[in-house]
Amino acid sequence: MSALREKVLDYLKARHAMSIASCGAEGVWAATVFYVHDGFTLYFLSSPTTRHSRNIAHDARIAITIQEDCADWHEIKGIQAEGRAVEIGGAEENRARELYGEKYPVVGKIAQAPAFIVKALAKVRWYRFEPEKLYFIDNAAGFGRREAVEFRND
C-alpha cells in the first residue's frame, strides 16, 4: 500500500464527522454526519426525511469533505472526495452497524443507550459512500498541496 493511501486511512480513522454536499429538487445542500470507514468505503446513517437523504435518493452523486478546524491556512489539512452514496441493507447494513458500534460505543451498546438514541436509530437508514475521486490536502507541505488517491486497481 502506498504511503499516501496509508496516510489517508489513518486520517479517516482519527476523524468522526464529514460534510456532504448533495443536490436535489430543492437545489444544492450541505450537511454534516458522523461516519465510519472500511478501507475507503464510508458508511453513515441518517433519517430518510432529511434533505441530504432525499437528495441522495434523487441523485446519488455527492461530494464530501473531512477536515480539521484551524485558524491558519498553513494548517489546512483534510480530504475532498466525490462519488456515489446509496442506501444499504442486509449484511452490508449489519457490517456498517458493527463498525459504527466500534467507533461510537453508545450506538454499539444499544441495550445501554439512552432512550432517545434507541428511538432515533429505529428511524434511520444506512448509507454507503464510495469515492470515485479522492484528494488529500495538506497545506503544511505547501500552499494548495493536494494529492490524488488512485482507485483504478481497487
N, C-alpha and C. Protein backbone atom coordinates (compact mmCIF):
# COMPACT_ATOMS: atom_id res chain seq x y z
N MET A 1 0.85 -1.18 0.00
CA MET A 1 0.00 0.00 0.00
C MET A 1 0.89 1.24 0.00
N SER A 2 0.50 2.23 -0.78
CA SER A 2 1.31 3.44 -0.87
C SER A 2 1.25 4.24 0.44
N ALA A 3 2.25 5.06 0.65
CA ALA A 3 2.30 5.90 1.85
C ALA A 3 1.11 6.86 1.89
N LEU A 4 0.71 7.38 0.73
CA LEU A 4 -0.44 8.29 0.69
C LEU A 4 -1.71 7.58 1.11
N ARG A 5 -1.94 6.38 0.61
CA ARG A 5 -3.14 5.63 0.98
C ARG A 5 -3.16 5.36 2.48
N GLU A 6 -2.02 4.98 3.04
CA GLU A 6 -1.94 4.74 4.49
C GLU A 6 -2.23 6.01 5.27
N LYS A 7 -1.69 7.15 4.79
CA LYS A 7 -1.92 8.44 5.46
C LYS A 7 -3.41 8.79 5.46
N VAL A 8 -4.07 8.57 4.32
CA VAL A 8 -5.50 8.88 4.22
C VAL A 8 -6.31 7.95 5.13
N LEU A 9 -6.00 6.67 5.14
CA LEU A 9 -6.73 5.74 6.01
C LEU A 9 -6.53 6.08 7.48
N ASP A 10 -5.33 6.47 7.88
CA ASP A 10 -5.08 6.91 9.25
C ASP A 10 -5.89 8.17 9.56
N TYR A 11 -5.96 9.08 8.61
CA TYR A 11 -6.72 10.31 8.78
C TYR A 11 -8.21 10.00 8.97
N LEU A 12 -8.73 9.10 8.14
CA LEU A 12 -10.13 8.69 8.27
C LEU A 12 -10.41 8.08 9.64
N LYS A 13 -9.50 7.28 10.11
CA LYS A 13 -9.68 6.62 11.41
C LYS A 13 -9.72 7.62 12.56
N ALA A 14 -8.94 8.69 12.45
CA ALA A 14 -8.82 9.67 13.53
C ALA A 14 -9.94 10.71 13.56
N ARG A 15 -10.74 10.77 12.53
CA ARG A 15 -11.81 11.78 12.45
C ARG A 15 -13.17 11.13 12.65
N HIS A 16 -14.17 11.98 12.84
CA HIS A 16 -15.52 11.48 13.10
C HIS A 16 -16.60 12.05 12.18
N ALA A 17 -16.45 13.28 11.77
CA ALA A 17 -17.52 13.95 11.02
C ALA A 17 -17.09 14.26 9.59
N MET A 18 -18.04 14.12 8.68
CA MET A 18 -17.81 14.52 7.30
C MET A 18 -18.97 15.40 6.86
N SER A 19 -18.65 16.33 6.00
CA SER A 19 -19.67 17.17 5.39
C SER A 19 -20.03 16.60 4.04
N ILE A 20 -21.31 16.59 3.75
CA ILE A 20 -21.84 16.05 2.49
C ILE A 20 -22.43 17.20 1.69
N ALA A 21 -22.09 17.28 0.43
CA ALA A 21 -22.72 18.21 -0.50
C ALA A 21 -23.55 17.38 -1.46
N SER A 22 -24.83 17.70 -1.55
CA SER A 22 -25.75 16.94 -2.41
C SER A 22 -26.62 17.91 -3.19
N CYS A 23 -27.34 17.36 -4.16
CA CYS A 23 -28.22 18.19 -4.97
C CYS A 23 -29.52 17.44 -5.22
N GLY A 24 -30.62 18.15 -5.10
CA GLY A 24 -31.92 17.53 -5.32
C GLY A 24 -32.92 18.54 -5.87
N ALA A 25 -34.19 18.24 -5.75
CA ALA A 25 -35.25 19.08 -6.28
C ALA A 25 -35.24 20.49 -5.69
N GLU A 26 -34.76 20.62 -4.45
CA GLU A 26 -34.71 21.93 -3.80
C GLU A 26 -33.39 22.64 -4.02
N GLY A 27 -32.49 22.04 -4.79
CA GLY A 27 -31.19 22.65 -5.06
C GLY A 27 -30.08 21.98 -4.29
N VAL A 28 -28.95 22.67 -4.20
CA VAL A 28 -27.79 22.12 -3.51
C VAL A 28 -27.96 22.25 -2.00
N TRP A 29 -27.28 21.36 -1.26
CA TRP A 29 -27.40 21.33 0.19
C TRP A 29 -26.13 20.74 0.78
N ALA A 30 -25.79 21.18 1.97
CA ALA A 30 -24.66 20.62 2.70
C ALA A 30 -25.13 20.19 4.08
N ALA A 31 -24.59 19.09 4.57
CA ALA A 31 -24.93 18.57 5.90
C ALA A 31 -23.71 17.85 6.45
N THR A 32 -23.64 17.76 7.76
CA THR A 32 -22.55 17.05 8.41
C THR A 32 -23.09 15.83 9.12
N VAL A 33 -22.40 14.71 8.96
CA VAL A 33 -22.80 13.44 9.58
C VAL A 33 -21.57 12.76 10.18
N PHE A 34 -21.78 11.90 11.17
CA PHE A 34 -20.72 11.03 11.65
C PHE A 34 -20.57 9.89 10.66
N TYR A 35 -19.36 9.35 10.54
CA TYR A 35 -19.11 8.27 9.60
C TYR A 35 -18.19 7.23 10.25
N VAL A 36 -18.15 6.08 9.62
CA VAL A 36 -17.13 5.06 9.87
C VAL A 36 -16.61 4.65 8.50
N HIS A 37 -15.46 3.99 8.51
CA HIS A 37 -14.92 3.57 7.22
C HIS A 37 -14.46 2.13 7.27
N ASP A 38 -14.49 1.52 6.12
CA ASP A 38 -13.93 0.19 5.89
C ASP A 38 -13.09 0.36 4.64
N GLY A 39 -11.79 0.55 4.84
CA GLY A 39 -10.95 0.97 3.73
C GLY A 39 -11.37 2.38 3.33
N PHE A 40 -11.58 2.57 2.04
CA PHE A 40 -12.01 3.88 1.56
C PHE A 40 -13.53 3.99 1.44
N THR A 41 -14.24 2.95 1.78
CA THR A 41 -15.71 2.99 1.79
C THR A 41 -16.15 3.62 3.10
N LEU A 42 -17.00 4.63 3.00
CA LEU A 42 -17.51 5.33 4.18
C LEU A 42 -18.97 4.98 4.39
N TYR A 43 -19.35 4.76 5.64
CA TYR A 43 -20.74 4.48 6.00
C TYR A 43 -21.24 5.56 6.93
N PHE A 44 -22.49 5.94 6.75
CA PHE A 44 -23.13 6.90 7.65
C PHE A 44 -24.60 6.56 7.76
N LEU A 45 -25.23 7.14 8.74
CA LEU A 45 -26.66 6.92 8.92
C LEU A 45 -27.36 8.26 8.95
N SER A 46 -28.62 8.25 8.58
CA SER A 46 -29.40 9.47 8.58
C SER A 46 -30.87 9.12 8.44
N SER A 47 -31.69 10.03 8.88
CA SER A 47 -33.13 9.87 8.68
C SER A 47 -33.43 10.02 7.19
N PRO A 48 -34.31 9.20 6.66
CA PRO A 48 -34.64 9.32 5.23
C PRO A 48 -35.39 10.61 4.90
N THR A 49 -35.84 11.32 5.92
CA THR A 49 -36.58 12.56 5.68
C THR A 49 -35.69 13.80 5.62
N THR A 50 -34.41 13.65 5.95
CA THR A 50 -33.52 14.81 5.88
C THR A 50 -33.34 15.24 4.43
N ARG A 51 -32.99 16.49 4.26
CA ARG A 51 -32.82 16.99 2.90
C ARG A 51 -31.70 16.27 2.16
N HIS A 52 -30.59 15.98 2.84
CA HIS A 52 -29.50 15.29 2.14
C HIS A 52 -29.88 13.86 1.77
N SER A 53 -30.66 13.18 2.61
CA SER A 53 -31.12 11.82 2.26
C SER A 53 -32.09 11.86 1.08
N ARG A 54 -32.97 12.84 1.07
CA ARG A 54 -33.88 12.99 -0.08
C ARG A 54 -33.09 13.30 -1.35
N ASN A 55 -32.05 14.12 -1.20
CA ASN A 55 -31.21 14.44 -2.35
C ASN A 55 -30.49 13.20 -2.87
N ILE A 56 -29.97 12.38 -1.96
CA ILE A 56 -29.28 11.15 -2.37
C ILE A 56 -30.23 10.22 -3.10
N ALA A 57 -31.48 10.14 -2.65
CA ALA A 57 -32.48 9.32 -3.34
C ALA A 57 -32.75 9.85 -4.75
N HIS A 58 -32.64 11.16 -4.92
CA HIS A 58 -32.86 11.82 -6.21
C HIS A 58 -31.64 11.69 -7.13
N ASP A 59 -30.44 11.88 -6.55
CA ASP A 59 -29.20 11.85 -7.32
C ASP A 59 -28.10 11.35 -6.38
N ALA A 60 -27.59 10.17 -6.64
CA ALA A 60 -26.62 9.53 -5.74
C ALA A 60 -25.26 10.21 -5.72
N ARG A 61 -25.00 11.09 -6.68
CA ARG A 61 -23.69 11.76 -6.73
C ARG A 61 -23.60 12.79 -5.60
N ILE A 62 -22.57 12.66 -4.78
CA ILE A 62 -22.31 13.63 -3.71
C ILE A 62 -20.83 13.93 -3.67
N ALA A 63 -20.50 14.99 -2.95
CA ALA A 63 -19.11 15.30 -2.62
C ALA A 63 -19.03 15.37 -1.10
N ILE A 64 -17.86 15.01 -0.57
CA ILE A 64 -17.68 15.06 0.87
C ILE A 64 -16.37 15.76 1.20
N THR A 65 -16.31 16.31 2.40
CA THR A 65 -15.05 16.81 2.94
C THR A 65 -14.92 16.33 4.37
N ILE A 66 -13.70 16.08 4.77
CA ILE A 66 -13.36 15.75 6.15
C ILE A 66 -12.14 16.60 6.45
N GLN A 67 -12.23 17.45 7.46
CA GLN A 67 -11.12 18.35 7.72
C GLN A 67 -11.03 18.71 9.21
N GLU A 68 -9.91 19.30 9.53
CA GLU A 68 -9.67 19.78 10.87
C GLU A 68 -10.07 21.25 10.93
N ASP A 69 -10.41 21.71 12.11
CA ASP A 69 -10.69 23.12 12.33
C ASP A 69 -9.36 23.80 12.65
N CYS A 70 -9.06 24.88 11.95
CA CYS A 70 -7.79 25.56 12.19
C CYS A 70 -7.96 27.06 11.98
N ALA A 71 -7.00 27.82 12.44
CA ALA A 71 -7.06 29.28 12.32
C ALA A 71 -6.03 29.84 11.34
N ASP A 72 -5.14 29.01 10.85
CA ASP A 72 -4.07 29.44 9.96
C ASP A 72 -4.10 28.60 8.69
N TRP A 73 -4.00 29.23 7.53
CA TRP A 73 -4.10 28.50 6.27
C TRP A 73 -3.00 27.46 6.13
N HIS A 74 -1.84 27.65 6.81
CA HIS A 74 -0.77 26.65 6.77
C HIS A 74 -1.21 25.32 7.39
N GLU A 75 -2.22 25.38 8.28
CA GLU A 75 -2.68 24.19 9.00
C GLU A 75 -3.80 23.44 8.29
N ILE A 76 -4.28 23.97 7.17
CA ILE A 76 -5.38 23.32 6.47
C ILE A 76 -4.96 21.92 6.03
N LYS A 77 -5.75 20.94 6.42
CA LYS A 77 -5.48 19.55 6.10
C LYS A 77 -6.81 18.82 6.03
N GLY A 78 -6.95 17.91 5.09
CA GLY A 78 -8.19 17.16 5.03
C GLY A 78 -8.37 16.40 3.74
N ILE A 79 -9.60 15.94 3.57
CA ILE A 79 -9.97 15.10 2.43
C ILE A 79 -11.09 15.78 1.66
N GLN A 80 -10.98 15.75 0.35
CA GLN A 80 -12.06 16.12 -0.56
C GLN A 80 -12.31 14.90 -1.43
N ALA A 81 -13.58 14.55 -1.61
CA ALA A 81 -13.88 13.38 -2.44
C ALA A 81 -15.22 13.57 -3.13
N GLU A 82 -15.35 12.89 -4.25
CA GLU A 82 -16.64 12.81 -4.93
C GLU A 82 -16.90 11.37 -5.29
N GLY A 83 -18.16 11.03 -5.33
CA GLY A 83 -18.55 9.66 -5.64
C GLY A 83 -20.04 9.50 -5.52
N ARG A 84 -20.45 8.30 -5.15
CA ARG A 84 -21.88 7.99 -5.05
C ARG A 84 -22.22 7.46 -3.67
N ALA A 85 -23.38 7.86 -3.19
CA ALA A 85 -23.91 7.37 -1.92
C ALA A 85 -25.19 6.60 -2.22
N VAL A 86 -25.34 5.45 -1.59
CA VAL A 86 -26.54 4.65 -1.77
C VAL A 86 -27.00 4.12 -0.42
N GLU A 87 -28.31 3.95 -0.31
CA GLU A 87 -28.86 3.33 0.89
C GLU A 87 -28.52 1.84 0.85
N ILE A 88 -28.19 1.29 2.01
CA ILE A 88 -27.81 -0.13 2.08
C ILE A 88 -28.73 -0.87 3.03
N GLY A 89 -28.67 -2.19 2.97
CA GLY A 89 -29.46 -3.04 3.85
C GLY A 89 -28.78 -4.39 3.98
N GLY A 90 -29.44 -5.31 4.67
CA GLY A 90 -28.96 -6.69 4.79
C GLY A 90 -27.61 -6.81 5.47
N ALA A 91 -26.77 -7.69 4.93
CA ALA A 91 -25.47 -7.97 5.52
C ALA A 91 -24.57 -6.73 5.54
N GLU A 92 -24.67 -5.92 4.50
CA GLU A 92 -23.83 -4.71 4.47
C GLU A 92 -24.26 -3.73 5.55
N GLU A 93 -25.55 -3.59 5.77
CA GLU A 93 -26.02 -2.73 6.86
C GLU A 93 -25.54 -3.27 8.20
N ASN A 94 -25.61 -4.58 8.40
CA ASN A 94 -25.13 -5.18 9.64
C ASN A 94 -23.65 -4.88 9.86
N ARG A 95 -22.86 -4.96 8.79
CA ARG A 95 -21.43 -4.65 8.89
C ARG A 95 -21.23 -3.18 9.24
N ALA A 96 -22.00 -2.29 8.62
CA ALA A 96 -21.90 -0.86 8.92
C ALA A 96 -22.27 -0.59 10.38
N ARG A 97 -23.32 -1.25 10.87
CA ARG A 97 -23.73 -1.09 12.28
C ARG A 97 -22.62 -1.57 13.22
N GLU A 98 -21.99 -2.67 12.86
CA GLU A 98 -20.90 -3.21 13.68
C GLU A 98 -19.73 -2.22 13.74
N LEU A 99 -19.33 -1.69 12.60
CA LEU A 99 -18.25 -0.71 12.56
C LEU A 99 -18.62 0.54 13.33
N TYR A 100 -19.86 0.98 13.16
CA TYR A 100 -20.34 2.18 13.84
C TYR A 100 -20.30 1.97 15.36
N GLY A 101 -20.71 0.79 15.80
CA GLY A 101 -20.71 0.48 17.22
C GLY A 101 -19.31 0.44 17.81
N GLU A 102 -18.33 0.02 17.01
CA GLU A 102 -16.94 0.00 17.47
C GLU A 102 -16.41 1.42 17.65
N LYS A 103 -16.77 2.31 16.75
CA LYS A 103 -16.27 3.69 16.80
C LYS A 103 -17.09 4.55 17.76
N TYR A 104 -18.39 4.28 17.84
CA TYR A 104 -19.30 5.06 18.68
C TYR A 104 -20.01 4.09 19.63
N PRO A 105 -19.40 3.78 20.77
CA PRO A 105 -19.94 2.75 21.67
C PRO A 105 -21.39 2.94 22.10
N VAL A 106 -21.86 4.18 22.19
CA VAL A 106 -23.25 4.39 22.61
C VAL A 106 -24.22 3.76 21.59
N VAL A 107 -23.80 3.70 20.34
CA VAL A 107 -24.63 3.07 19.31
C VAL A 107 -24.44 1.56 19.32
N GLY A 108 -23.22 1.11 19.59
CA GLY A 108 -22.93 -0.31 19.60
C GLY A 108 -23.54 -1.06 20.76
N LYS A 109 -23.70 -0.37 21.86
CA LYS A 109 -24.29 -0.99 23.06
C LYS A 109 -25.72 -0.48 23.21
N ILE A 110 -26.54 -0.85 22.26
CA ILE A 110 -27.90 -0.33 22.17
C ILE A 110 -28.72 -0.61 23.43
N ALA A 111 -28.46 -1.72 24.10
CA ALA A 111 -29.20 -2.04 25.32
C ALA A 111 -28.88 -1.04 26.44
N GLN A 112 -27.73 -0.38 26.35
CA GLN A 112 -27.33 0.59 27.36
C GLN A 112 -27.50 2.03 26.89
N ALA A 113 -27.94 2.20 25.67
CA ALA A 113 -28.06 3.54 25.10
C ALA A 113 -29.26 4.28 25.69
N PRO A 114 -29.16 5.61 25.74
CA PRO A 114 -30.31 6.41 26.19
C PRO A 114 -31.51 6.18 25.27
N ALA A 115 -32.70 6.33 25.83
CA ALA A 115 -33.94 6.07 25.08
C ALA A 115 -34.03 6.89 23.79
N PHE A 116 -33.56 8.14 23.82
CA PHE A 116 -33.67 8.97 22.61
C PHE A 116 -32.78 8.44 21.49
N ILE A 117 -31.65 7.80 21.83
CA ILE A 117 -30.77 7.20 20.82
C ILE A 117 -31.45 5.97 20.22
N VAL A 118 -32.02 5.14 21.07
CA VAL A 118 -32.72 3.92 20.60
C VAL A 118 -33.86 4.32 19.67
N LYS A 119 -34.62 5.32 20.06
CA LYS A 119 -35.75 5.79 19.24
C LYS A 119 -35.26 6.34 17.90
N ALA A 120 -34.20 7.12 17.93
CA ALA A 120 -33.66 7.71 16.70
C ALA A 120 -33.12 6.63 15.77
N LEU A 121 -32.41 5.65 16.32
CA LEU A 121 -31.83 4.60 15.48
C LEU A 121 -32.87 3.72 14.81
N ALA A 122 -34.06 3.65 15.40
CA ALA A 122 -35.13 2.87 14.80
C ALA A 122 -35.65 3.52 13.51
N LYS A 123 -35.36 4.80 13.32
CA LYS A 123 -35.89 5.54 12.18
C LYS A 123 -34.88 5.82 11.08
N VAL A 124 -33.62 5.49 11.30
CA VAL A 124 -32.59 5.87 10.34
C VAL A 124 -32.46 4.86 9.21
N ARG A 125 -31.77 5.31 8.19
CA ARG A 125 -31.33 4.45 7.09
C ARG A 125 -29.81 4.51 7.08
N TRP A 126 -29.21 3.47 6.55
CA TRP A 126 -27.76 3.38 6.47
C TRP A 126 -27.33 3.60 5.03
N TYR A 127 -26.21 4.30 4.87
CA TYR A 127 -25.72 4.67 3.55
C TYR A 127 -24.25 4.31 3.39
N ARG A 128 -23.90 4.00 2.15
CA ARG A 128 -22.50 3.74 1.78
C ARG A 128 -22.07 4.83 0.80
N PHE A 129 -20.90 5.38 1.03
CA PHE A 129 -20.29 6.32 0.09
C PHE A 129 -19.04 5.68 -0.47
N GLU A 130 -18.98 5.56 -1.78
CA GLU A 130 -17.81 5.04 -2.49
C GLU A 130 -17.17 6.19 -3.25
N PRO A 131 -15.96 6.57 -2.86
CA PRO A 131 -15.31 7.66 -3.61
C PRO A 131 -14.86 7.20 -4.99
N GLU A 132 -15.06 8.08 -5.96
CA GLU A 132 -14.54 7.86 -7.30
C GLU A 132 -13.27 8.68 -7.51
N LYS A 133 -13.23 9.84 -6.85
CA LYS A 133 -12.03 10.68 -6.82
C LYS A 133 -11.84 11.11 -5.37
N LEU A 134 -10.61 11.07 -4.89
CA LEU A 134 -10.33 11.48 -3.52
C LEU A 134 -8.98 12.18 -3.50
N TYR A 135 -8.95 13.31 -2.81
CA TYR A 135 -7.73 14.10 -2.70
C TYR A 135 -7.42 14.35 -1.22
N PHE A 136 -6.13 14.31 -0.90
CA PHE A 136 -5.69 14.64 0.45
C PHE A 136 -5.00 16.00 0.37
N ILE A 137 -5.51 16.95 1.15
CA ILE A 137 -4.99 18.31 1.16
C ILE A 137 -4.11 18.46 2.39
N ASP A 138 -2.93 19.06 2.21
CA ASP A 138 -2.03 19.30 3.35
C ASP A 138 -1.22 20.56 3.06
N ASN A 139 -1.73 21.70 3.53
CA ASN A 139 -1.04 22.97 3.29
C ASN A 139 0.29 23.07 4.03
N ALA A 140 0.51 22.25 5.06
CA ALA A 140 1.80 22.26 5.74
C ALA A 140 2.91 21.80 4.80
N ALA A 141 2.54 21.02 3.79
CA ALA A 141 3.51 20.53 2.80
C ALA A 141 3.63 21.50 1.62
N GLY A 142 2.87 22.59 1.63
CA GLY A 142 2.91 23.58 0.56
C GLY A 142 1.51 24.12 0.31
N PHE A 143 1.43 25.41 0.03
CA PHE A 143 0.13 26.04 -0.19
C PHE A 143 -0.61 25.33 -1.32
N GLY A 144 -1.85 24.92 -1.04
CA GLY A 144 -2.67 24.26 -2.04
C GLY A 144 -2.22 22.84 -2.36
N ARG A 145 -1.42 22.23 -1.50
CA ARG A 145 -0.91 20.88 -1.75
C ARG A 145 -2.06 19.89 -1.74
N ARG A 146 -2.27 19.21 -2.84
CA ARG A 146 -3.38 18.26 -2.98
C ARG A 146 -2.88 17.05 -3.74
N GLU A 147 -2.98 15.88 -3.10
CA GLU A 147 -2.53 14.63 -3.72
C GLU A 147 -3.74 13.74 -4.00
N ALA A 148 -3.77 13.17 -5.17
CA ALA A 148 -4.88 12.28 -5.56
C ALA A 148 -4.60 10.84 -5.14
N VAL A 149 -5.61 10.21 -4.58
CA VAL A 149 -5.55 8.77 -4.30
C VAL A 149 -6.13 8.05 -5.51
N GLU A 150 -5.39 7.11 -6.05
CA GLU A 150 -5.85 6.38 -7.23
C GLU A 150 -6.68 5.18 -6.82
N PHE A 151 -7.78 4.94 -7.55
CA PHE A 151 -8.67 3.81 -7.27
C PHE A 151 -8.76 2.82 -8.42
N ARG A 152 -7.98 2.97 -9.46
CA ARG A 152 -8.08 2.11 -10.65
C ARG A 152 -7.94 0.63 -10.34
N ASN A 153 -7.08 0.29 -9.40
CA ASN A 153 -6.81 -1.14 -9.12
C ASN A 153 -7.63 -1.70 -7.98
N ASP A 154 -8.52 -0.89 -7.39
CA ASP A 154 -9.33 -1.36 -6.25
C ASP A 154 -10.45 -2.27 -6.71
